[in-house]
Amino acid sequence: MAGRRSQVLDAAVRVLGEQGARALTHRAVDSEGDLPAGTTSNYFRTRDALLAGILGCLFERETAAFSSLAGEPRPVSVEELAGRFGVMLRQLAGPARSLTLARHAIFLEAAHSDALRAALLEWSQKMWAFSADWLGAVGSPEPVLHARQLLAFGDGLLIDRLARGGDDEFAPEAALVALLRSWVGVEKSVEEAVDN
């Protein structure tokens, strides 16, 4: 049963990511997953239930990605952190494009659903905490606030890339370094003023 449910969710993520929120129906998911008619509705009776299931699926995938990063040593410089984050953004804009589009579609749906918004916030807080740890390691004076801003900035870069495209190579590192330096520079300026 768990295998079939995963099949449904994989197909639902593909529909949402490749065709958009309007295309997300039980019938479309059955068709995309090459599943017998009615399979999706057996697992997720309503569209809201299906969206909640997709959100949970996305959380699992992104949590696994962040967990693999968590096993690595903390970055020791702004440039190293920007480099790691840049690699992740390129993955999300390239090979994981469909997954990223599905995640952004869920974000928009959450703006109109209290239940989705609550689940999204709970998951986001875990991602902010992980990112705050790394930001603190490179000298952010407000790592929790900056974690939220960094992830929002990354999502903005992804939306711009996915919606507008571009023939150039996606290289977000320079923008990330500039942002991170502006935060770390604030702390250094305060320390320098105290020392003088």
C-alpha atoms as a PDB file:
ATOM      1  CA  MET A   1       0.000   0.000   0.000  1.00  0.00           C
ATOM      2  CA  ALA A   2       2.846   2.419   0.858  1.00  0.00           C
ATOM      3  CA  GLY A   3       4.384   1.752  -2.553  1.00  0.00           C
ATOM      4  CA  ARG A   4       1.161   2.602  -4.371  1.00  0.00           C
ATOM      5  CA  ARG A   5       0.683   5.761  -2.282  1.00  0.00           C
ATOM      6  CA  SER A   6       4.231   6.835  -3.193  1.00  0.00           C
ATOM      7  CA  GLN A   7       3.420   6.189  -6.848  1.00  0.00           C
ATOM      8  CA  VAL A   8       0.389   8.463  -6.562  1.00  0.00           C
ATOM      9  CA  LEU A   9       2.413  11.224  -4.898  1.00  0.00           C
ATOM     10  CA  ASP A  10       5.260  10.963  -7.413  1.00  0.00           C
ATOM     11  CA  ALA A  11       2.745  11.350 -10.230  1.00  0.00           C
ATOM     12  CA  ALA A  12       1.018  14.242  -8.430  1.00  0.00           C
ATOM     13  CA  VAL A  13       4.334  16.091  -8.009  1.00  0.00           C
ATOM     14  CA  ARG A  14       5.032  15.644 -11.725  1.00  0.00           C
ATOM     15  CA  VAL A  15       1.579  16.936 -12.712  1.00  0.00           C
ATOM     16  CA  LEU A  16       1.884  19.943 -10.411  1.00  0.00           C
ATOM     17  CA  GLY A  17       5.473  20.704 -11.410  1.00  0.00           C
ATOM     18  CA  GLU A  18       5.155  20.133 -15.143  1.00  0.00           C
ATOM     19  CA  GLN A  19       1.590  21.291 -15.835  1.00  0.00           C
ATOM     20  CA  GLY A  20       0.732  23.669 -12.995  1.00  0.00           C
ATOM     21  CA  ALA A  21      -1.918  23.874 -10.284  1.00  0.00           C
ATOM     22  CA  ARG A  22      -4.859  24.073 -12.694  1.00  0.00           C
ATOM     23  CA  ALA A  23      -3.961  20.688 -14.148  1.00  0.00           C
ATOM     24  CA  LEU A  24      -3.867  18.956 -10.752  1.00  0.00           C
ATOM     25  CA  THR A  25      -6.890  16.648 -10.693  1.00  0.00           C
ATOM     26  CA  HIS A  26      -7.328  13.112  -9.450  1.00  0.00           C
ATOM     27  CA  ARG A  27      -7.853  11.927 -13.012  1.00  0.00           C
ATOM     28  CA  ALA A  28      -4.675  13.687 -14.237  1.00  0.00           C
ATOM     29  CA  VAL A  29      -2.624  12.048 -11.474  1.00  0.00           C
ATOM     30  CA  ASP A  30      -4.030   8.606 -12.306  1.00  0.00           C
ATOM     31  CA  SER A  31      -3.154   9.167 -15.949  1.00  0.00           C
ATOM     32  CA  GLU A  32       0.351  10.516 -15.229  1.00  0.00           C
ATOM     33  CA  GLY A  33       1.128   7.610 -12.910  1.00  0.00           C
ATOM     34  CA  ASP A  34      -0.387   5.021 -15.281  1.00  0.00           C
ATOM     35  CA  LEU A  35      -2.666   4.046 -12.401  1.00  0.00           C
ATOM     36  CA  PRO A  36      -6.133   2.494 -12.527  1.00  0.00           C
ATOM     37  CA  ALA A  37      -8.919   5.083 -12.566  1.00  0.00           C
ATOM     38  CA  GLY A  38      -9.898   6.120  -9.046  1.00  0.00           C
ATOM     39  CA  THR A  39      -6.563   5.213  -7.424  1.00  0.00           C
ATOM     40  CA  THR A  40      -5.661   8.782  -6.456  1.00  0.00           C
ATOM     41  CA  SER A  41      -9.079   9.425  -4.966  1.00  0.00           C
ATOM     42  CA  ASN A  42      -8.794   6.220  -2.914  1.00  0.00           C
ATOM     43  CA  TYR A  43      -5.759   7.710  -1.154  1.00  0.00           C
ATOM     44  CA  PHE A  44      -6.712  11.389  -1.237  1.00  0.00           C
ATOM     45  CA  ARG A  45     -10.462  12.009  -1.304  1.00  0.00           C
ATOM     46  CA  THR A  46     -10.301  15.755  -1.910  1.00  0.00           C
ATOM     47  CA  ARG A  47      -8.016  18.120  -3.769  1.00  0.00           C
ATOM     48  CA  ASP A  48      -6.999  19.658  -0.417  1.00  0.00           C
ATOM     49  CA  ALA A  49      -6.003  16.215   0.854  1.00  0.00           C
ATOM     50  CA  LEU A  50      -3.998  15.652  -2.311  1.00  0.00           C
ATOM     51  CA  LEU A  51      -2.218  19.004  -1.881  1.00  0.00           C
ATOM     52  CA  ALA A  52      -1.424  18.140   1.743  1.00  0.00           C
ATOM     53  CA  GLY A  53      -0.028  14.798   0.593  1.00  0.00           C
ATOM     54  CA  ILE A  54       2.145  16.495  -2.025  1.00  0.00           C
ATOM     55  CA  LEU A  55       3.400  18.965   0.576  1.00  0.00           C
ATOM     56  CA  GLY A  56       4.399  16.087   2.865  1.00  0.00           C
ATOM     57  CA  CYS A  57       6.160  14.362  -0.024  1.00  0.00           C
ATOM     58  CA  LEU A  58       8.099  17.537  -0.860  1.00  0.00           C
ATOM     59  CA  PHE A  59       9.054  17.943   2.798  1.00  0.00           C
ATOM     60  CA  GLU A  60      10.464  14.416   2.901  1.00  0.00           C
ATOM     61  CA  ARG A  61      12.555  14.981  -0.218  1.00  0.00           C
ATOM     62  CA  GLU A  62      13.913  18.358   0.832  1.00  0.00           C
ATOM     63  CA  THR A  63      14.538  17.217   4.402  1.00  0.00           C
ATOM     64  CA  ALA A  64      16.607  14.336   3.018  1.00  0.00           C
ATOM     65  CA  ALA A  65      18.598  16.794   0.883  1.00  0.00           C
ATOM     66  CA  PHE A  66      19.224  19.089   3.864  1.00  0.00           C
ATOM     67  CA  SER A  67      20.096  16.092   6.067  1.00  0.00           C
ATOM     68  CA  SER A  68      22.815  15.033   3.657  1.00  0.00           C
ATOM     69  CA  LEU A  69      24.227  18.572   3.845  1.00  0.00           C
ATOM     70  CA  ALA A  70      24.005  18.506   7.636  1.00  0.00           C
ATOM     71  CA  GLY A  71      26.535  15.672   7.715  1.00  0.00           C
ATOM     72  CA  GLU A  72      29.125  17.910   6.084  1.00  0.00           C
ATOM     73  CA  PRO A  73      31.390  20.191   8.118  1.00  0.00           C
ATOM     74  CA  ARG A  74      30.043  23.689   8.675  1.00  0.00           C
ATOM     75  CA  PRO A  75      31.235  26.237   6.133  1.00  0.00           C
ATOM     76  CA  VAL A  76      34.126  28.358   7.370  1.00  0.00           C
ATOM     77  CA  SER A  77      33.639  31.347   5.073  1.00  0.00           C
ATOM     78  CA  VAL A  78      30.953  33.331   3.289  1.00  0.00           C
ATOM     79  CA  GLU A  79      32.380  32.135  -0.034  1.00  0.00           C
ATOM     80  CA  GLU A  80      32.148  28.486   0.992  1.00  0.00           C
ATOM     81  CA  LEU A  81      28.554  28.876   2.174  1.00  0.00           C
ATOM     82  CA  ALA A  82      27.611  30.715  -1.048  1.00  0.00           C
ATOM     83  CA  GLY A  83      29.285  27.962  -3.071  1.00  0.00           C
ATOM     84  CA  ARG A  84      27.332  25.192  -1.355  1.00  0.00           C
ATOM     85  CA  PHE A  85      24.053  27.089  -1.605  1.00  0.00           C
ATOM     86  CA  GLY A  86      24.763  27.875  -5.258  1.00  0.00           C
ATOM     87  CA  VAL A  87      25.241  24.180  -6.050  1.00  0.00           C
ATOM     88  CA  MET A  88      21.899  23.421  -4.416  1.00  0.00           C
ATOM     89  CA  LEU A  89      20.135  26.201  -6.357  1.00  0.00           C
ATOM     90  CA  ARG A  90      21.565  24.935  -9.646  1.00  0.00           C
ATOM     91  CA  GLN A  91      20.275  21.460  -8.851  1.00  0.00           C
ATOM     92  CA  LEU A  92      16.828  22.877  -8.047  1.00  0.00           C
ATOM     93  CA  ALA A  93      16.767  24.941 -11.256  1.00  0.00           C
ATOM     94  CA  GLY A  94      18.058  22.091 -13.429  1.00  0.00           C
ATOM     95  CA  PRO A  95      17.641  18.381 -12.706  1.00  0.00           C
ATOM     96  CA  ALA A  96      15.081  19.005  -9.926  1.00  0.00           C
ATOM     97  CA  ARG A  97      13.194  21.689 -11.907  1.00  0.00           C
ATOM     98  CA  SER A  98       9.835  19.880 -11.772  1.00  0.00           C
ATOM     99  CA  LEU A  99      10.119  19.366  -8.015  1.00  0.00           C
ATOM    100  CA  THR A 100      10.950  23.062  -7.537  1.00  0.00           C
ATOM    101  CA  LEU A 101       7.991  24.188  -9.630  1.00  0.00           C
ATOM    102  CA  ALA A 102       5.713  21.884  -7.623  1.00  0.00           C
ATOM    103  CA  ARG A 103       7.051  23.386  -4.382  1.00  0.00           C
ATOM    104  CA  HIS A 104       6.408  26.927  -5.574  1.00  0.00           C
ATOM    105  CA  ALA A 105       2.900  25.974  -6.715  1.00  0.00           C
ATOM    106  CA  ILE A 106       2.256  24.607  -3.195  1.00  0.00           C
ATOM    107  CA  PHE A 107       3.512  27.893  -1.713  1.00  0.00           C
ATOM    108  CA  LEU A 108       0.875  29.761  -3.711  1.00  0.00           C
ATOM    109  CA  GLU A 109      -1.846  27.291  -2.688  1.00  0.00           C
ATOM    110  CA  ALA A 110      -0.806  27.751   0.967  1.00  0.00           C
ATOM    111  CA  ALA A 111      -1.626  31.456   0.700  1.00  0.00           C
ATOM    112  CA  HIS A 112      -5.305  30.410   0.505  1.00  0.00           C
ATOM    113  CA  SER A 113      -5.311  27.446   2.892  1.00  0.00           C
ATOM    114  CA  ASP A 114      -4.801  27.703   6.656  1.00  0.00           C
ATOM    115  CA  ALA A 115      -3.981  24.001   6.941  1.00  0.00           C
ATOM    116  CA  LEU A 116      -1.342  24.074   4.193  1.00  0.00           C
ATOM    117  CA  ARG A 117       0.115  27.313   5.571  1.00  0.00           C
ATOM    118  CA  ALA A 118       0.461  25.813   9.058  1.00  0.00           C
ATOM    119  CA  ALA A 119       2.219  22.716   7.702  1.00  0.00           C
ATOM    120  CA  LEU A 120       4.466  24.849   5.493  1.00  0.00           C
ATOM    121  CA  LEU A 121       5.453  27.059   8.419  1.00  0.00           C
ATOM    122  CA  GLU A 122       6.284  24.059  10.614  1.00  0.00           C
ATOM    123  CA  TRP A 123       8.553  22.604   7.942  1.00  0.00           C
ATOM    124  CA  SER A 124      10.088  26.001   7.097  1.00  0.00           C
ATOM    125  CA  GLN A 125      11.113  26.506  10.709  1.00  0.00           C
ATOM    126  CA  LYS A 126      13.218  23.332  10.508  1.00  0.00           C
ATOM    127  CA  MET A 127      14.948  24.589   7.366  1.00  0.00           C
ATOM    128  CA  TRP A 128      15.528  28.010   8.949  1.00  0.00           C
ATOM    129  CA  ALA A 129      17.086  26.384  12.034  1.00  0.00           C
ATOM    130  CA  PHE A 130      19.466  24.311   9.911  1.00  0.00           C
ATOM    131  CA  SER A 131      20.451  27.325   7.799  1.00  0.00           C
ATOM    132  CA  ALA A 132      20.854  29.514  10.901  1.00  0.00           C
ATOM    133  CA  ASP A 133      23.483  27.120  12.216  1.00  0.00           C
ATOM    134  CA  TRP A 134      25.566  27.582   9.079  1.00  0.00           C
ATOM    135  CA  LEU A 135      25.012  31.345   8.972  1.00  0.00           C
ATOM    136  CA  GLY A 136      26.158  31.618  12.583  1.00  0.00           C
ATOM    137  CA  ALA A 137      29.299  29.699  11.639  1.00  0.00           C
ATOM    138  CA  VAL A 138      30.272  32.326   9.049  1.00  0.00           C
ATOM    139  CA  GLY A 139      29.593  35.283  11.337  1.00  0.00           C
ATOM    140  CA  SER A 140      25.972  36.371  10.873  1.00  0.00           C
ATOM    141  CA  PRO A 141      24.929  38.552  13.824  1.00  0.00           C
ATOM    142  CA  GLU A 142      21.284  37.444  13.405  1.00  0.00           C
ATOM    143  CA  PRO A 143      21.440  33.906  12.021  1.00  0.00           C
ATOM    144  CA  VAL A 144      17.748  33.026  12.477  1.00  0.00           C
ATOM    145  CA  LEU A 145      16.506  36.165  10.709  1.00  0.00           C
ATOM    146  CA  HIS A 146      19.177  35.849   8.029  1.00  0.00           C
ATOM    147  CA  ALA A 147      18.336  32.170   7.463  1.00  0.00           C
ATOM    148  CA  ARG A 148      14.771  33.072   6.582  1.00  0.00           C
ATOM    149  CA  GLN A 149      15.954  35.892   4.332  1.00  0.00           C
ATOM    150  CA  LEU A 150      18.596  33.728   2.633  1.00  0.00           C
ATOM    151  CA  LEU A 151      16.093  30.994   1.772  1.00  0.00           C
ATOM    152  CA  ALA A 152      13.605  33.588   0.516  1.00  0.00           C
ATOM    153  CA  PHE A 153      16.368  35.146  -1.601  1.00  0.00           C
ATOM    154  CA  GLY A 154      17.214  31.705  -3.005  1.00  0.00           C
ATOM    155  CA  ASP A 155      13.567  31.088  -3.851  1.00  0.00           C
ATOM    156  CA  GLY A 156      13.449  34.470  -5.586  1.00  0.00           C
ATOM    157  CA  LEU A 157      16.481  33.565  -7.702  1.00  0.00           C
ATOM    158  CA  LEU A 158      14.842  30.233  -8.578  1.00  0.00           C
ATOM    159  CA  ILE A 159      11.517  31.814  -9.542  1.00  0.00           C
ATOM    160  CA  ASP A 160      13.307  34.339 -11.728  1.00  0.00           C
ATOM    161  CA  ARG A 161      15.328  31.606 -13.428  1.00  0.00           C
ATOM    162  CA  LEU A 162      12.433  29.201 -13.928  1.00  0.00           C
ATOM    163  CA  ALA A 163       9.899  31.813 -15.044  1.00  0.00           C
ATOM    164  CA  ARG A 164      12.142  33.985 -17.222  1.00  0.00           C
ATOM    165  CA  GLY A 165      14.755  31.444 -18.242  1.00  0.00           C
ATOM    166  CA  GLY A 166      18.052  32.523 -19.682  1.00  0.00           C
ATOM    167  CA  ASP A 167      20.674  31.269 -22.080  1.00  0.00           C
ATOM    168  CA  ASP A 168      23.511  32.055 -19.685  1.00  0.00           C
ATOM    169  CA  GLU A 169      24.765  29.640 -17.062  1.00  0.00           C
ATOM    170  CA  PHE A 170      22.887  29.942 -13.777  1.00  0.00           C
ATOM    171  CA  ALA A 171      25.571  31.174 -11.389  1.00  0.00           C
ATOM    172  CA  PRO A 172      23.999  32.638  -8.233  1.00  0.00           C
ATOM    173  CA  GLU A 173      27.189  32.586  -6.144  1.00  0.00           C
ATOM    174  CA  ALA A 174      28.192  36.239  -6.704  1.00  0.00           C
ATOM    175  CA  ALA A 175      24.774  37.496  -5.587  1.00  0.00           C
ATOM    176  CA  LEU A 176      24.863  35.161  -2.576  1.00  0.00           C
ATOM    177  CA  VAL A 177      28.345  36.313  -1.562  1.00  0.00           C
ATOM    178  CA  ALA A 178      27.257  39.974  -1.776  1.00  0.00           C
ATOM    179  CA  LEU A 179      24.209  39.324   0.397  1.00  0.00           C
ATOM    180  CA  LEU A 180      26.120  37.286   2.976  1.00  0.00           C
ATOM    181  CA  ARG A 181      28.942  39.821   3.164  1.00  0.00           C
ATOM    182  CA  SER A 182      26.440  42.607   3.815  1.00  0.00           C
ATOM    183  CA  TRP A 183      25.256  40.735   6.925  1.00  0.00           C
ATOM    184  CA  VAL A 184      28.678  39.723   8.201  1.00  0.00           C
ATOM    185  CA  GLY A 185      29.985  43.238   7.418  1.00  0.00           C
ATOM    186  CA  VAL A 186      27.329  44.737   9.725  1.00  0.00           C
ATOM    187  CA  GLU A 187      28.705  42.739  12.645  1.00  0.00           C
ATOM    188  CA  LYS A 188      32.304  43.685  11.820  1.00  0.00           C
ATOM    189  CA  SER A 189      31.384  47.371  11.579  1.00  0.00           C
ATOM    190  CA  VAL A 190      29.768  47.236  15.045  1.00  0.00           C
ATOM    191  CA  GLU A 191      32.798  45.433  16.517  1.00  0.00           C
ATOM    192  CA  GLU A 192      35.180  47.949  14.937  1.00  0.00           C
ATOM    193  CA  ALA A 193      33.156  50.881  16.336  1.00  0.00           C
ATOM    194  CA  VAL A 194      33.255  49.334  19.847  1.00  0.00           C
ATOM    195  CA  ASP A 195      37.017  48.730  19.586  1.00  0.00           C
ATOM    196  CA  ASN A 196      37.627  52.369  18.601  1.00  0.00           C
END
